[in-house]
Amino acid sequence: MYSYIKGKVASIELDRVVIENNGVGYEIFVSANTLARFKKGEEAEVYIYFQVKQDGIALLGFSCREEKNMFLRLITVSGIGPRSAQAILNEITPYELAYAIATNDGVKLSKVKGIGKKSAARIILELKEKINIEGEDAAADVKRSAPVGGDAEEAAVALQALGFSKGDAFAAAAKAAEVASGIENIIRTALKLIMK
């Protein structure tokens, strides 16, 4: 129904933000990662998921398409509803989640509040194919096929998990690592390079 809402940040609360657009204030529930990107009074663009439930409706918001896409994948997992998926993204970035799934890192996932070992295993099992990479084999391919290492290597694997081809992911991560440091910064820079 809604793809995104763009407008001025009218207010920020613990788990939500109000975006004013054409005189209408949209209350949008967001993760801590998304909330940290907003400042009151500034223009913002929020990607939206329209949740319909028995006791009403709600707008769930995401600061980028990648976070929304990961959310949409999470809610396909049996036992993971919209609020649970958002709670997961409250503690782990989409990039970290993609990498954990790709490398079968159930330990990292089970450290997320509300996710036990069984839920972590189910998330990995059900999302493995949906993120289009083959876990540890993909990580090994990154090492063999591109001159990247460390954060750049992890960024390349995460980019693949977000649906980019292996070649594009490796090339963009290697180039981004020349000007950025840290996995998330490398991924952001790489995304800009790929989207040009």
N, C-alpha and C. Protein backbone atom coordinates (compact mmCIF):
# COMPACT_ATOMS: atom_id res chain seq x y z
N MET A 1 0.82 -1.20 0.00
CA MET A 1 0.00 0.00 0.00
C MET A 1 0.86 1.26 0.00
N TYR A 2 1.76 1.37 0.99
CA TYR A 2 2.70 2.48 1.03
C TYR A 2 4.09 1.95 0.72
N SER A 3 4.88 2.73 -0.01
CA SER A 3 6.27 2.36 -0.25
C SER A 3 7.18 3.14 0.69
N TYR A 4 6.99 4.46 0.71
CA TYR A 4 7.75 5.29 1.64
C TYR A 4 7.00 6.58 1.91
N ILE A 5 7.39 7.25 2.98
CA ILE A 5 6.83 8.55 3.32
C ILE A 5 8.01 9.50 3.49
N LYS A 6 7.89 10.66 2.86
CA LYS A 6 8.95 11.67 2.95
C LYS A 6 8.37 12.93 3.56
N GLY A 7 9.06 13.48 4.54
CA GLY A 7 8.57 14.69 5.17
C GLY A 7 9.47 15.12 6.30
N LYS A 8 8.98 16.04 7.11
CA LYS A 8 9.76 16.59 8.22
C LYS A 8 9.55 15.74 9.47
N VAL A 9 10.62 15.50 10.21
CA VAL A 9 10.54 14.76 11.47
C VAL A 9 9.91 15.69 12.52
N ALA A 10 8.65 15.41 12.88
CA ALA A 10 7.92 16.25 13.83
C ALA A 10 8.25 15.89 15.27
N SER A 11 8.42 14.60 15.55
CA SER A 11 8.79 14.18 16.90
C SER A 11 9.45 12.82 16.87
N ILE A 12 10.25 12.58 17.91
CA ILE A 12 10.95 11.30 18.06
C ILE A 12 10.68 10.78 19.46
N GLU A 13 10.24 9.53 19.54
CA GLU A 13 10.01 8.90 20.83
C GLU A 13 10.86 7.64 20.93
N LEU A 14 10.64 6.84 21.95
CA LEU A 14 11.48 5.68 22.23
C LEU A 14 11.50 4.67 21.09
N ASP A 15 10.35 4.37 20.51
CA ASP A 15 10.27 3.35 19.47
C ASP A 15 9.53 3.81 18.22
N ARG A 16 9.36 5.12 18.10
CA ARG A 16 8.60 5.63 16.96
C ARG A 16 9.02 7.04 16.59
N VAL A 17 8.63 7.42 15.40
CA VAL A 17 8.90 8.76 14.90
C VAL A 17 7.62 9.26 14.23
N VAL A 18 7.38 10.56 14.28
CA VAL A 18 6.24 11.14 13.56
C VAL A 18 6.80 11.96 12.41
N ILE A 19 6.40 11.59 11.20
CA ILE A 19 6.81 12.30 9.99
C ILE A 19 5.62 13.12 9.49
N GLU A 20 5.82 14.43 9.37
CA GLU A 20 4.75 15.31 8.87
C GLU A 20 4.90 15.48 7.37
N ASN A 21 3.81 15.17 6.67
CA ASN A 21 3.79 15.30 5.22
C ASN A 21 2.47 15.93 4.82
N ASN A 22 2.52 17.13 4.22
CA ASN A 22 1.32 17.84 3.78
C ASN A 22 0.29 18.00 4.90
N GLY A 23 0.76 18.36 6.08
CA GLY A 23 -0.14 18.63 7.19
C GLY A 23 -0.64 17.40 7.93
N VAL A 24 -0.17 16.21 7.53
CA VAL A 24 -0.57 14.98 8.20
C VAL A 24 0.64 14.39 8.91
N GLY A 25 0.48 14.05 10.18
CA GLY A 25 1.56 13.43 10.94
C GLY A 25 1.41 11.92 10.96
N TYR A 26 2.36 11.22 10.40
CA TYR A 26 2.32 9.76 10.35
C TYR A 26 3.17 9.19 11.49
N GLU A 27 2.51 8.46 12.39
CA GLU A 27 3.24 7.80 13.48
C GLU A 27 3.78 6.48 12.95
N ILE A 28 5.10 6.34 12.99
CA ILE A 28 5.76 5.18 12.39
C ILE A 28 6.65 4.51 13.44
N PHE A 29 6.42 3.24 13.68
CA PHE A 29 7.23 2.47 14.63
C PHE A 29 8.51 2.05 13.91
N VAL A 30 9.65 2.29 14.56
CA VAL A 30 10.94 2.03 13.92
C VAL A 30 11.89 1.31 14.88
N SER A 31 12.94 0.71 14.31
CA SER A 31 13.97 0.07 15.13
C SER A 31 14.92 1.14 15.68
N ALA A 32 15.71 0.76 16.66
CA ALA A 32 16.68 1.69 17.23
C ALA A 32 17.69 2.13 16.18
N ASN A 33 18.07 1.21 15.28
CA ASN A 33 19.02 1.55 14.21
C ASN A 33 18.45 2.63 13.30
N THR A 34 17.16 2.52 12.98
CA THR A 34 16.51 3.53 12.14
C THR A 34 16.32 4.83 12.91
N LEU A 35 15.88 4.72 14.15
CA LEU A 35 15.62 5.91 14.97
C LEU A 35 16.86 6.78 15.11
N ALA A 36 18.03 6.15 15.20
CA ALA A 36 19.28 6.89 15.38
C ALA A 36 19.62 7.78 14.19
N ARG A 37 18.99 7.54 13.06
CA ARG A 37 19.29 8.31 11.84
C ARG A 37 18.47 9.58 11.71
N PHE A 38 17.49 9.76 12.59
CA PHE A 38 16.59 10.91 12.47
C PHE A 38 16.93 12.01 13.45
N LYS A 39 16.68 13.25 13.02
CA LYS A 39 16.82 14.42 13.89
C LYS A 39 15.56 15.26 13.74
N LYS A 40 15.03 15.70 14.86
CA LYS A 40 13.80 16.49 14.84
C LYS A 40 13.98 17.74 14.00
N GLY A 41 12.98 18.00 13.15
CA GLY A 41 13.01 19.19 12.30
C GLY A 41 13.64 18.98 10.94
N GLU A 42 14.34 17.86 10.75
CA GLU A 42 14.99 17.59 9.46
C GLU A 42 14.07 16.81 8.54
N GLU A 43 14.36 16.90 7.25
CA GLU A 43 13.64 16.09 6.26
C GLU A 43 14.11 14.65 6.37
N ALA A 44 13.17 13.72 6.20
CA ALA A 44 13.52 12.30 6.26
C ALA A 44 12.65 11.51 5.29
N GLU A 45 13.18 10.39 4.86
CA GLU A 45 12.45 9.47 4.00
C GLU A 45 12.42 8.13 4.73
N VAL A 46 11.22 7.60 4.94
CA VAL A 46 11.05 6.36 5.69
C VAL A 46 10.33 5.34 4.80
N TYR A 47 10.94 4.18 4.63
CA TYR A 47 10.31 3.09 3.89
C TYR A 47 9.31 2.41 4.82
N ILE A 48 8.14 2.10 4.29
CA ILE A 48 7.00 1.72 5.13
C ILE A 48 6.53 0.28 4.88
N TYR A 49 6.14 -0.35 5.98
CA TYR A 49 5.38 -1.61 5.93
C TYR A 49 4.07 -1.33 6.64
N PHE A 50 2.96 -1.58 5.97
CA PHE A 50 1.62 -1.30 6.50
C PHE A 50 1.12 -2.58 7.16
N GLN A 51 1.05 -2.57 8.50
CA GLN A 51 0.65 -3.75 9.26
C GLN A 51 -0.82 -3.67 9.63
N VAL A 52 -1.57 -4.70 9.26
CA VAL A 52 -2.98 -4.80 9.63
C VAL A 52 -3.11 -5.94 10.63
N LYS A 53 -3.68 -5.65 11.79
CA LYS A 53 -3.89 -6.69 12.80
C LYS A 53 -5.28 -6.55 13.39
N GLN A 54 -5.68 -7.49 14.23
CA GLN A 54 -7.04 -7.50 14.77
C GLN A 54 -7.39 -6.25 15.55
N ASP A 55 -6.43 -5.74 16.31
CA ASP A 55 -6.73 -4.58 17.16
C ASP A 55 -6.37 -3.24 16.52
N GLY A 56 -6.11 -3.22 15.24
CA GLY A 56 -5.83 -1.95 14.57
C GLY A 56 -4.77 -2.08 13.48
N ILE A 57 -4.30 -0.94 13.03
CA ILE A 57 -3.27 -0.92 12.00
C ILE A 57 -2.07 -0.13 12.52
N ALA A 58 -0.93 -0.36 11.91
CA ALA A 58 0.28 0.36 12.32
C ALA A 58 1.20 0.50 11.12
N LEU A 59 2.00 1.55 11.13
CA LEU A 59 3.03 1.73 10.12
C LEU A 59 4.37 1.38 10.77
N LEU A 60 5.10 0.48 10.14
CA LEU A 60 6.44 0.13 10.59
C LEU A 60 7.40 0.75 9.59
N GLY A 61 8.46 1.40 10.09
CA GLY A 61 9.33 2.15 9.19
C GLY A 61 10.77 1.70 9.22
N PHE A 62 11.46 1.97 8.09
CA PHE A 62 12.85 1.58 7.90
C PHE A 62 13.60 2.70 7.20
N SER A 63 14.84 2.89 7.59
CA SER A 63 15.61 4.02 7.05
C SER A 63 16.14 3.77 5.65
N CYS A 64 16.18 2.50 5.23
CA CYS A 64 16.70 2.20 3.89
C CYS A 64 15.98 0.98 3.33
N ARG A 65 16.08 0.81 2.02
CA ARG A 65 15.43 -0.33 1.37
C ARG A 65 15.99 -1.66 1.87
N GLU A 66 17.30 -1.68 2.14
CA GLU A 66 17.93 -2.92 2.58
C GLU A 66 17.32 -3.41 3.90
N GLU A 67 17.07 -2.46 4.82
CA GLU A 67 16.47 -2.85 6.10
C GLU A 67 15.05 -3.36 5.88
N LYS A 68 14.29 -2.68 5.02
CA LYS A 68 12.92 -3.13 4.75
C LYS A 68 12.93 -4.49 4.08
N ASN A 69 13.83 -4.69 3.11
CA ASN A 69 13.91 -5.98 2.43
C ASN A 69 14.25 -7.11 3.40
N MET A 70 15.15 -6.84 4.33
CA MET A 70 15.50 -7.87 5.31
C MET A 70 14.30 -8.15 6.22
N PHE A 71 13.58 -7.10 6.60
CA PHE A 71 12.36 -7.26 7.41
C PHE A 71 11.35 -8.15 6.67
N LEU A 72 11.14 -7.88 5.38
CA LEU A 72 10.19 -8.66 4.59
C LEU A 72 10.60 -10.12 4.50
N ARG A 73 11.90 -10.36 4.47
CA ARG A 73 12.37 -11.75 4.47
C ARG A 73 12.13 -12.39 5.84
N LEU A 74 12.40 -11.65 6.90
CA LEU A 74 12.23 -12.19 8.25
C LEU A 74 10.79 -12.62 8.52
N ILE A 75 9.83 -11.83 8.07
CA ILE A 75 8.43 -12.16 8.39
C ILE A 75 7.92 -13.37 7.60
N THR A 76 8.72 -13.87 6.67
CA THR A 76 8.34 -15.11 5.98
C THR A 76 8.75 -16.34 6.81
N VAL A 77 9.56 -16.14 7.83
CA VAL A 77 10.01 -17.25 8.67
C VAL A 77 8.90 -17.63 9.63
N SER A 78 8.59 -18.91 9.74
CA SER A 78 7.51 -19.34 10.63
C SER A 78 7.83 -18.95 12.07
N GLY A 79 6.85 -18.35 12.72
CA GLY A 79 7.02 -17.93 14.10
C GLY A 79 7.57 -16.52 14.27
N ILE A 80 7.92 -15.85 13.17
CA ILE A 80 8.45 -14.48 13.24
C ILE A 80 7.41 -13.53 12.62
N GLY A 81 6.79 -12.73 13.48
CA GLY A 81 5.81 -11.75 13.01
C GLY A 81 6.47 -10.40 12.80
N PRO A 82 5.69 -9.41 12.34
CA PRO A 82 6.25 -8.08 12.09
C PRO A 82 6.96 -7.45 13.29
N ARG A 83 6.35 -7.53 14.48
CA ARG A 83 6.99 -6.91 15.64
C ARG A 83 8.26 -7.66 16.04
N SER A 84 8.24 -8.99 15.93
CA SER A 84 9.44 -9.78 16.24
C SER A 84 10.56 -9.45 15.26
N ALA A 85 10.20 -9.33 13.99
CA ALA A 85 11.20 -9.02 12.96
C ALA A 85 11.81 -7.65 13.23
N GLN A 86 10.97 -6.70 13.61
CA GLN A 86 11.48 -5.36 13.90
C GLN A 86 12.35 -5.37 15.16
N ALA A 87 11.98 -6.21 16.13
CA ALA A 87 12.79 -6.33 17.34
C ALA A 87 14.18 -6.89 17.02
N ILE A 88 14.24 -7.82 16.08
CA ILE A 88 15.53 -8.38 15.66
C ILE A 88 16.37 -7.27 15.04
N LEU A 89 15.76 -6.48 14.15
CA LEU A 89 16.49 -5.40 13.49
C LEU A 89 16.79 -4.25 14.44
N ASN A 90 16.19 -4.29 15.61
CA ASN A 90 16.49 -3.30 16.64
C ASN A 90 17.88 -3.55 17.23
N GLU A 91 18.33 -4.79 17.18
CA GLU A 91 19.59 -5.16 17.80
C GLU A 91 20.70 -5.52 16.82
N ILE A 92 20.35 -5.78 15.59
CA ILE A 92 21.35 -6.22 14.61
C ILE A 92 21.03 -5.55 13.27
N THR A 93 22.04 -5.06 12.59
CA THR A 93 21.79 -4.38 11.31
C THR A 93 21.46 -5.42 10.24
N PRO A 94 20.82 -4.99 9.16
CA PRO A 94 20.51 -5.93 8.08
C PRO A 94 21.78 -6.59 7.53
N TYR A 95 22.87 -5.83 7.50
CA TYR A 95 24.12 -6.35 6.96
C TYR A 95 24.68 -7.45 7.87
N GLU A 96 24.65 -7.19 9.18
CA GLU A 96 25.13 -8.20 10.14
C GLU A 96 24.25 -9.44 10.10
N LEU A 97 22.95 -9.23 9.96
CA LEU A 97 22.01 -10.35 9.90
C LEU A 97 22.26 -11.18 8.64
N ALA A 98 22.43 -10.51 7.51
CA ALA A 98 22.69 -11.22 6.26
C ALA A 98 23.97 -12.04 6.36
N TYR A 99 24.99 -11.45 6.96
CA TYR A 99 26.27 -12.15 7.09
C TYR A 99 26.13 -13.35 8.04
N ALA A 100 25.38 -13.18 9.13
CA ALA A 100 25.18 -14.28 10.07
C ALA A 100 24.44 -15.44 9.40
N ILE A 101 23.44 -15.11 8.59
CA ILE A 101 22.69 -16.15 7.87
C ILE A 101 23.60 -16.83 6.85
N ALA A 102 24.36 -16.02 6.12
CA ALA A 102 25.23 -16.55 5.06
C ALA A 102 26.30 -17.48 5.60
N THR A 103 26.75 -17.22 6.81
CA THR A 103 27.85 -18.01 7.38
C THR A 103 27.37 -18.98 8.46
N ASN A 104 26.06 -19.20 8.52
CA ASN A 104 25.48 -20.13 9.49
C ASN A 104 25.86 -19.78 10.93
N ASP A 105 25.90 -18.50 11.24
CA ASP A 105 26.33 -18.06 12.57
C ASP A 105 25.12 -17.97 13.51
N GLY A 106 24.65 -19.14 13.95
CA GLY A 106 23.52 -19.19 14.86
C GLY A 106 23.83 -18.59 16.22
N VAL A 107 25.10 -18.63 16.61
CA VAL A 107 25.50 -18.07 17.90
C VAL A 107 25.23 -16.57 17.92
N LYS A 108 25.63 -15.86 16.85
CA LYS A 108 25.39 -14.41 16.78
C LYS A 108 23.90 -14.10 16.82
N LEU A 109 23.12 -14.87 16.07
CA LEU A 109 21.67 -14.63 16.04
C LEU A 109 21.02 -14.92 17.39
N SER A 110 21.47 -15.97 18.07
CA SER A 110 20.84 -16.33 19.34
C SER A 110 21.16 -15.33 20.45
N LYS A 111 22.12 -14.42 20.20
CA LYS A 111 22.42 -13.37 21.17
C LYS A 111 21.43 -12.22 21.10
N VAL A 112 20.65 -12.19 20.02
CA VAL A 112 19.63 -11.15 19.86
C VAL A 112 18.49 -11.45 20.83
N LYS A 113 18.05 -10.44 21.56
CA LYS A 113 16.99 -10.60 22.56
C LYS A 113 15.74 -11.20 21.91
N GLY A 114 15.22 -12.27 22.52
CA GLY A 114 14.01 -12.90 22.02
C GLY A 114 14.25 -13.98 20.99
N ILE A 115 15.49 -14.18 20.59
CA ILE A 115 15.82 -15.22 19.62
C ILE A 115 16.66 -16.29 20.31
N GLY A 116 16.11 -17.46 20.47
CA GLY A 116 16.84 -18.56 21.07
C GLY A 116 17.56 -19.37 19.99
N LYS A 117 18.17 -20.46 20.40
CA LYS A 117 18.92 -21.29 19.45
C LYS A 117 18.01 -21.88 18.37
N LYS A 118 16.81 -22.31 18.77
CA LYS A 118 15.89 -22.91 17.79
C LYS A 118 15.43 -21.87 16.77
N SER A 119 15.09 -20.67 17.24
CA SER A 119 14.65 -19.61 16.32
C SER A 119 15.78 -19.20 15.40
N ALA A 120 16.99 -19.10 15.94
CA ALA A 120 18.15 -18.72 15.12
C ALA A 120 18.37 -19.76 14.02
N ALA A 121 18.27 -21.04 14.38
CA ALA A 121 18.45 -22.12 13.39
C ALA A 121 17.36 -22.05 12.33
N ARG A 122 16.12 -21.75 12.75
CA ARG A 122 15.01 -21.67 11.80
C ARG A 122 15.20 -20.49 10.84
N ILE A 123 15.65 -19.35 11.36
CA ILE A 123 15.90 -18.18 10.51
C ILE A 123 16.95 -18.51 9.45
N ILE A 124 18.04 -19.13 9.88
CA ILE A 124 19.11 -19.50 8.94
C ILE A 124 18.58 -20.49 7.91
N LEU A 125 17.87 -21.51 8.34
CA LEU A 125 17.36 -22.54 7.44
C LEU A 125 16.40 -21.96 6.41
N GLU A 126 15.46 -21.12 6.88
CA GLU A 126 14.42 -20.62 5.97
C GLU A 126 14.86 -19.45 5.10
N LEU A 127 15.90 -18.72 5.53
CA LEU A 127 16.32 -17.56 4.74
C LEU A 127 17.57 -17.80 3.90
N LYS A 128 18.23 -18.91 4.13
CA LYS A 128 19.48 -19.20 3.43
C LYS A 128 19.33 -19.04 1.91
N GLU A 129 18.31 -19.65 1.35
CA GLU A 129 18.13 -19.59 -0.10
C GLU A 129 17.59 -18.23 -0.55
N LYS A 130 16.87 -17.54 0.31
CA LYS A 130 16.26 -16.26 -0.07
C LYS A 130 17.27 -15.13 -0.18
N ILE A 131 18.45 -15.30 0.41
CA ILE A 131 19.45 -14.25 0.29
C ILE A 131 20.50 -14.58 -0.77
N ASN A 132 20.25 -15.66 -1.51
CA ASN A 132 21.01 -15.97 -2.73
C ASN A 132 22.50 -16.18 -2.54
N ILE A 133 22.94 -16.64 -1.40
CA ILE A 133 24.34 -17.01 -1.26
C ILE A 133 24.44 -18.32 -0.52
N GLU A 134 25.57 -18.94 -0.54
CA GLU A 134 25.71 -20.27 0.01
C GLU A 134 26.64 -20.30 1.20
N GLY A 135 26.42 -19.41 2.14
CA GLY A 135 27.11 -19.44 3.41
C GLY A 135 28.61 -19.44 3.33
N GLU A 136 29.23 -20.42 3.99
CA GLU A 136 30.68 -20.46 4.09
C GLU A 136 31.34 -20.61 2.72
N ASP A 137 30.69 -21.32 1.80
CA ASP A 137 31.24 -21.44 0.45
C ASP A 137 31.33 -20.07 -0.21
N ALA A 138 30.30 -19.24 0.01
CA ALA A 138 30.31 -17.89 -0.57
C ALA A 138 31.43 -17.07 0.04
N ALA A 139 31.63 -17.21 1.34
CA ALA A 139 32.70 -16.47 2.00
C ALA A 139 34.05 -16.90 1.44
N ALA A 140 34.19 -18.19 1.17
CA ALA A 140 35.44 -18.69 0.58
C ALA A 140 35.61 -18.16 -0.83
N ASP A 141 34.51 -18.08 -1.57
CA ASP A 141 34.58 -17.53 -2.93
C ASP A 141 35.05 -16.08 -2.92
N VAL A 142 34.61 -15.32 -1.92
CA VAL A 142 35.03 -13.93 -1.81
C VAL A 142 36.55 -13.87 -1.70
N LYS A 143 37.11 -14.72 -0.86
CA LYS A 143 38.56 -14.72 -0.67
C LYS A 143 39.30 -15.08 -1.96
N ARG A 144 38.74 -16.03 -2.71
CA ARG A 144 39.43 -16.49 -3.92
C ARG A 144 39.30 -15.53 -5.09
N SER A 145 38.15 -14.85 -5.19
CA SER A 145 37.88 -14.13 -6.43
C SER A 145 38.08 -12.63 -6.40
N ALA A 146 38.42 -12.05 -5.28
CA ALA A 146 38.64 -10.60 -5.25
C ALA A 146 39.70 -10.25 -4.21
N PRO A 147 40.48 -9.21 -4.50
CA PRO A 147 41.53 -8.82 -3.57
C PRO A 147 40.97 -8.02 -2.39
N VAL A 148 40.07 -8.64 -1.64
CA VAL A 148 39.51 -7.98 -0.48
C VAL A 148 39.80 -8.81 0.75
N GLY A 149 39.70 -8.20 1.91
CA GLY A 149 39.93 -8.92 3.15
C GLY A 149 39.29 -8.16 4.29
N GLY A 150 39.17 -8.78 5.44
CA GLY A 150 38.63 -8.13 6.61
C GLY A 150 37.24 -7.57 6.40
N ASP A 151 37.07 -6.28 6.71
CA ASP A 151 35.75 -5.64 6.58
C ASP A 151 35.23 -5.66 5.15
N ALA A 152 36.14 -5.48 4.19
CA ALA A 152 35.72 -5.47 2.78
C ALA A 152 35.15 -6.83 2.39
N GLU A 153 35.77 -7.88 2.88
CA GLU A 153 35.29 -9.24 2.59
C GLU A 153 33.89 -9.45 3.16
N GLU A 154 33.70 -9.05 4.42
CA GLU A 154 32.39 -9.20 5.04
C GLU A 154 31.35 -8.34 4.34
N ALA A 155 31.75 -7.15 3.92
CA ALA A 155 30.83 -6.27 3.19
C ALA A 155 30.41 -6.91 1.87
N ALA A 156 31.36 -7.54 1.18
CA ALA A 156 31.04 -8.20 -0.10
C ALA A 156 30.05 -9.32 0.10
N VAL A 157 30.22 -10.11 1.14
CA VAL A 157 29.29 -11.20 1.43
C VAL A 157 27.90 -10.63 1.76
N ALA A 158 27.85 -9.56 2.54
CA ALA A 158 26.57 -8.94 2.89
C ALA A 158 25.89 -8.37 1.65
N LEU A 159 26.65 -7.77 0.75
CA LEU A 159 26.07 -7.24 -0.49
C LEU A 159 25.47 -8.36 -1.32
N GLN A 160 26.15 -9.50 -1.37
CA GLN A 160 25.58 -10.64 -2.08
C GLN A 160 24.28 -11.07 -1.43
N ALA A 161 24.27 -11.07 -0.10
CA ALA A 161 23.07 -11.48 0.63
C ALA A 161 21.91 -10.55 0.34
N LEU A 162 22.21 -9.31 0.00
CA LEU A 162 21.16 -8.34 -0.33
C LEU A 162 20.70 -8.46 -1.77
N GLY A 163 21.29 -9.42 -2.50
CA GLY A 163 20.82 -9.71 -3.85
C GLY A 163 21.70 -9.25 -4.99
N PHE A 164 22.85 -8.64 -4.70
CA PHE A 164 23.74 -8.20 -5.77
C PHE A 164 24.59 -9.36 -6.27
N SER A 165 24.97 -9.31 -7.52
CA SER A 165 25.78 -10.39 -8.08
C SER A 165 27.13 -10.43 -7.39
N LYS A 166 27.75 -11.61 -7.43
CA LYS A 166 29.04 -11.78 -6.78
C LYS A 166 30.07 -10.80 -7.33
N GLY A 167 30.10 -10.66 -8.65
CA GLY A 167 31.07 -9.76 -9.28
C GLY A 167 30.89 -8.31 -8.84
N ASP A 168 29.63 -7.85 -8.87
CA ASP A 168 29.34 -6.47 -8.45
C ASP A 168 29.68 -6.26 -6.98
N ALA A 169 29.33 -7.25 -6.15
CA ALA A 169 29.58 -7.14 -4.71
C ALA A 169 31.07 -7.05 -4.42
N PHE A 170 31.86 -7.93 -5.04
CA PHE A 170 33.31 -7.94 -4.80
C PHE A 170 33.96 -6.65 -5.26
N ALA A 171 33.61 -6.24 -6.49
CA ALA A 171 34.23 -5.05 -7.06
C ALA A 171 33.88 -3.80 -6.25
N ALA A 172 32.59 -3.66 -5.91
CA ALA A 172 32.15 -2.47 -5.17
C ALA A 172 32.75 -2.44 -3.77
N ALA A 173 32.81 -3.60 -3.10
CA ALA A 173 33.37 -3.65 -1.74
C ALA A 173 34.85 -3.30 -1.75
N ALA A 174 35.58 -3.83 -2.73
CA ALA A 174 37.02 -3.55 -2.82
C ALA A 174 37.26 -2.05 -3.06
N LYS A 175 36.46 -1.48 -3.97
CA LYS A 175 36.63 -0.06 -4.28
C LYS A 175 36.21 0.82 -3.10
N ALA A 176 35.10 0.44 -2.45
CA ALA A 176 34.60 1.22 -1.31
C ALA A 176 35.59 1.19 -0.15
N ALA A 177 36.28 0.06 0.04
CA ALA A 177 37.24 -0.07 1.15
C ALA A 177 38.43 0.87 0.99
N GLU A 178 38.64 1.39 -0.21
CA GLU A 178 39.74 2.34 -0.43
C GLU A 178 39.44 3.69 0.20
N VAL A 179 38.14 4.01 0.35
CA VAL A 179 37.77 5.33 0.88
C VAL A 179 36.97 5.28 2.17
N ALA A 180 36.57 4.07 2.59
CA ALA A 180 35.75 3.94 3.80
C ALA A 180 36.30 2.83 4.68
N SER A 181 35.99 2.92 5.96
CA SER A 181 36.41 1.86 6.88
C SER A 181 35.22 1.42 7.73
N GLY A 182 35.24 0.19 8.19
CA GLY A 182 34.12 -0.36 8.93
C GLY A 182 33.12 -0.97 7.98
N ILE A 183 32.56 -2.12 8.36
CA ILE A 183 31.68 -2.87 7.46
C ILE A 183 30.51 -2.03 6.96
N GLU A 184 29.81 -1.37 7.87
CA GLU A 184 28.62 -0.62 7.44
C GLU A 184 28.97 0.53 6.51
N ASN A 185 30.05 1.25 6.80
CA ASN A 185 30.46 2.36 5.93
C ASN A 185 30.89 1.85 4.56
N ILE A 186 31.58 0.71 4.54
CA ILE A 186 31.99 0.12 3.26
C ILE A 186 30.75 -0.27 2.46
N ILE A 187 29.77 -0.88 3.12
CA ILE A 187 28.55 -1.30 2.43
C ILE A 187 27.80 -0.08 1.89
N ARG A 188 27.66 0.97 2.71
CA ARG A 188 26.96 2.18 2.24
C ARG A 188 27.65 2.77 1.01
N THR A 189 28.98 2.87 1.09
CA THR A 189 29.75 3.42 -0.04
C THR A 189 29.61 2.53 -1.24
N ALA A 190 29.69 1.21 -1.03
CA ALA A 190 29.56 0.25 -2.15
C ALA A 190 28.19 0.35 -2.80
N LEU A 191 27.14 0.51 -1.99
CA LEU A 191 25.79 0.64 -2.54
C LEU A 191 25.68 1.86 -3.43
N LYS A 192 26.31 2.97 -3.00
CA LYS A 192 26.29 4.17 -3.83
C LYS A 192 26.99 3.92 -5.16
N LEU A 193 28.10 3.19 -5.11
CA LEU A 193 28.85 2.89 -6.33
C LEU A 193 28.03 2.01 -7.27
N ILE A 194 27.38 1.00 -6.70
CA ILE A 194 26.59 0.07 -7.52
C ILE A 194 25.39 0.78 -8.12
N MET A 195 24.78 1.68 -7.38
CA MET A 195 23.53 2.34 -7.84
C MET A 195 23.78 3.47 -8.83
N LYS A 196 25.03 3.85 -9.06
CA LYS A 196 25.33 4.97 -9.98
C LYS A 196 24.83 4.66 -11.38
